[in-house]
Amino acid sequence: MSYFAAVLSRTGDRGRGAEAVLEDCESLEDLGDVLRDLDGEVRLLVIEHGDEYAAIVRLDDGDDDPRAFLSDGR
C-alpha cells in the first residue's frame, strides 16, 4: 500500500512545504529527525497511508521530542 508524506515548516510569516521520503524511518524518533533537518519555528510532518490511517507529527523549535497524532486505523 502506498503512502504520501509532506513536511511543512514556518518561520515568522513564511511557510514552506515539500514531499518527504520516509523509507528509512522506523520510529517516532526517526520521524523527528526528518523534521530536525528543516529550518523553522514550527515543523509538521503529515502522513497518509492509503485509506488505512493518517498521522501528524509536530516538532516546535526548542523541543527535543516530537509529538504525534495517529488516526484510528481499521
C-alpha atoms as a PDB file:
ATOM      1  CA  MET A   1       0.000   0.000   0.000  1.00  0.00           C
ATOM      2  CA  SER A   2       1.350   3.419  -0.886  1.00  0.00           C
ATOM      3  CA  TYR A   3       1.717   6.449   1.329  1.00  0.00           C
ATOM      4  CA  PHE A   4       2.027  10.189   0.910  1.00  0.00           C
ATOM      5  CA  ALA A   5       4.095  12.327   3.268  1.00  0.00           C
ATOM      6  CA  ALA A   6       4.776  16.048   3.293  1.00  0.00           C
ATOM      7  CA  VAL A   7       6.847  18.258   5.559  1.00  0.00           C
ATOM      8  CA  LEU A   8       5.709  21.776   6.354  1.00  0.00           C
ATOM      9  CA  SER A   9       7.656  24.437   8.213  1.00  0.00           C
ATOM     10  CA  ARG A  10       7.012  28.001   9.329  1.00  0.00           C
ATOM     11  CA  THR A  11       9.416  30.747  10.320  1.00  0.00           C
ATOM     12  CA  GLY A  12       7.785  34.045  11.180  1.00  0.00           C
ATOM     13  CA  ASP A  13       5.203  34.665   8.471  1.00  0.00           C
ATOM     14  CA  ARG A  14       6.894  32.450   5.863  1.00  0.00           C
ATOM     15  CA  GLY A  15       5.994  28.820   5.240  1.00  0.00           C
ATOM     16  CA  ARG A  16       7.486  26.010   3.156  1.00  0.00           C
ATOM     17  CA  GLY A  17       6.324  22.588   2.120  1.00  0.00           C
ATOM     18  CA  ALA A  18       7.830  19.607   0.339  1.00  0.00           C
ATOM     19  CA  GLU A  19       7.152  15.928  -0.184  1.00  0.00           C
ATOM     20  CA  ALA A  20       9.011  13.668   2.277  1.00  0.00           C
ATOM     21  CA  VAL A  21      10.603  10.250   1.807  1.00  0.00           C
ATOM     22  CA  LEU A  22      10.171   8.019   4.862  1.00  0.00           C
ATOM     23  CA  GLU A  23      11.516   4.668   3.662  1.00  0.00           C
ATOM     24  CA  ASP A  24      14.261   4.566   6.324  1.00  0.00           C
ATOM     25  CA  CYS A  25      12.004   5.674   9.203  1.00  0.00           C
ATOM     26  CA  GLU A  26      11.092   3.013  11.741  1.00  0.00           C
ATOM     27  CA  SER A  27      10.184   5.048  14.833  1.00  0.00           C
ATOM     28  CA  LEU A  28       8.821   8.371  16.054  1.00  0.00           C
ATOM     29  CA  GLU A  29      12.401   9.438  16.756  1.00  0.00           C
ATOM     30  CA  ASP A  30      13.295   8.771  13.084  1.00  0.00           C
ATOM     31  CA  LEU A  31      10.365  10.961  12.020  1.00  0.00           C
ATOM     32  CA  GLY A  32      11.610  13.639  14.415  1.00  0.00           C
ATOM     33  CA  ASP A  33      14.998  13.510  12.694  1.00  0.00           C
ATOM     34  CA  VAL A  34      13.284  14.206   9.360  1.00  0.00           C
ATOM     35  CA  LEU A  35      11.746  17.319  10.936  1.00  0.00           C
ATOM     36  CA  ARG A  36      15.003  18.413  12.598  1.00  0.00           C
ATOM     37  CA  ASP A  37      16.578  18.635   9.139  1.00  0.00           C
ATOM     38  CA  LEU A  38      14.243  21.571   8.375  1.00  0.00           C
ATOM     39  CA  ASP A  39      14.641  25.158   9.484  1.00  0.00           C
ATOM     40  CA  GLY A  40      11.596  26.573  11.177  1.00  0.00           C
ATOM     41  CA  GLU A  41       9.890  27.527  14.402  1.00  0.00           C
ATOM     42  CA  VAL A  42       7.098  25.020  13.803  1.00  0.00           C
ATOM     43  CA  ARG A  43       7.594  21.862  11.725  1.00  0.00           C
ATOM     44  CA  LEU A  44       4.903  19.379  10.738  1.00  0.00           C
ATOM     45  CA  LEU A  45       5.053  16.019   9.020  1.00  0.00           C
ATOM     46  CA  VAL A  46       1.755  14.890   7.502  1.00  0.00           C
ATOM     47  CA  ILE A  47       1.417  11.223   6.521  1.00  0.00           C
ATOM     48  CA  GLU A  48      -1.440   9.470   4.722  1.00  0.00           C
ATOM     49  CA  HIS A  49      -1.206   5.717   4.201  1.00  0.00           C
ATOM     50  CA  GLY A  50      -3.767   4.526   1.683  1.00  0.00           C
ATOM     51  CA  ASP A  51      -7.169   4.522   3.320  1.00  0.00           C
ATOM     52  CA  GLU A  52      -5.716   2.956   6.474  1.00  0.00           C
ATOM     53  CA  TYR A  53      -4.631   5.912   8.613  1.00  0.00           C
ATOM     54  CA  ALA A  54      -3.323   9.460   8.784  1.00  0.00           C
ATOM     55  CA  ALA A  55      -0.667  10.895  11.078  1.00  0.00           C
ATOM     56  CA  ILE A  56       0.607  14.336  12.005  1.00  0.00           C
ATOM     57  CA  VAL A  57       3.968  14.747  13.723  1.00  0.00           C
ATOM     58  CA  ARG A  58       4.858  18.170  15.159  1.00  0.00           C
ATOM     59  CA  LEU A  59       8.200  19.491  16.350  1.00  0.00           C
ATOM     60  CA  ASP A  60       8.477  23.030  17.722  1.00  0.00           C
ATOM     61  CA  ASP A  61      11.740  24.966  17.827  1.00  0.00           C
ATOM     62  CA  GLY A  62      13.469  24.184  21.114  1.00  0.00           C
ATOM     63  CA  ASP A  63      11.597  20.911  21.718  1.00  0.00           C
ATOM     64  CA  ASP A  64      13.599  17.707  21.908  1.00  0.00           C
ATOM     65  CA  ASP A  65      10.717  15.288  21.413  1.00  0.00           C
ATOM     66  CA  PRO A  66       8.259  15.259  18.517  1.00  0.00           C
ATOM     67  CA  ARG A  67       4.544  14.940  19.277  1.00  0.00           C
ATOM     68  CA  ALA A  68       2.357  12.695  17.137  1.00  0.00           C
ATOM     69  CA  PHE A  69      -1.316  12.251  16.349  1.00  0.00           C
ATOM     70  CA  LEU A  70      -2.326   8.970  14.728  1.00  0.00           C
ATOM     71  CA  SER A  71      -5.851   8.455  13.491  1.00  0.00           C
ATOM     72  CA  ASP A  72      -7.726   5.278  14.243  1.00  0.00           C
ATOM     73  CA  GLY A  73      -6.991   2.691  11.606  1.00  0.00           C
ATOM     74  CA  ARG A  74      -9.274  -0.172  10.744  1.00  0.00           C
END
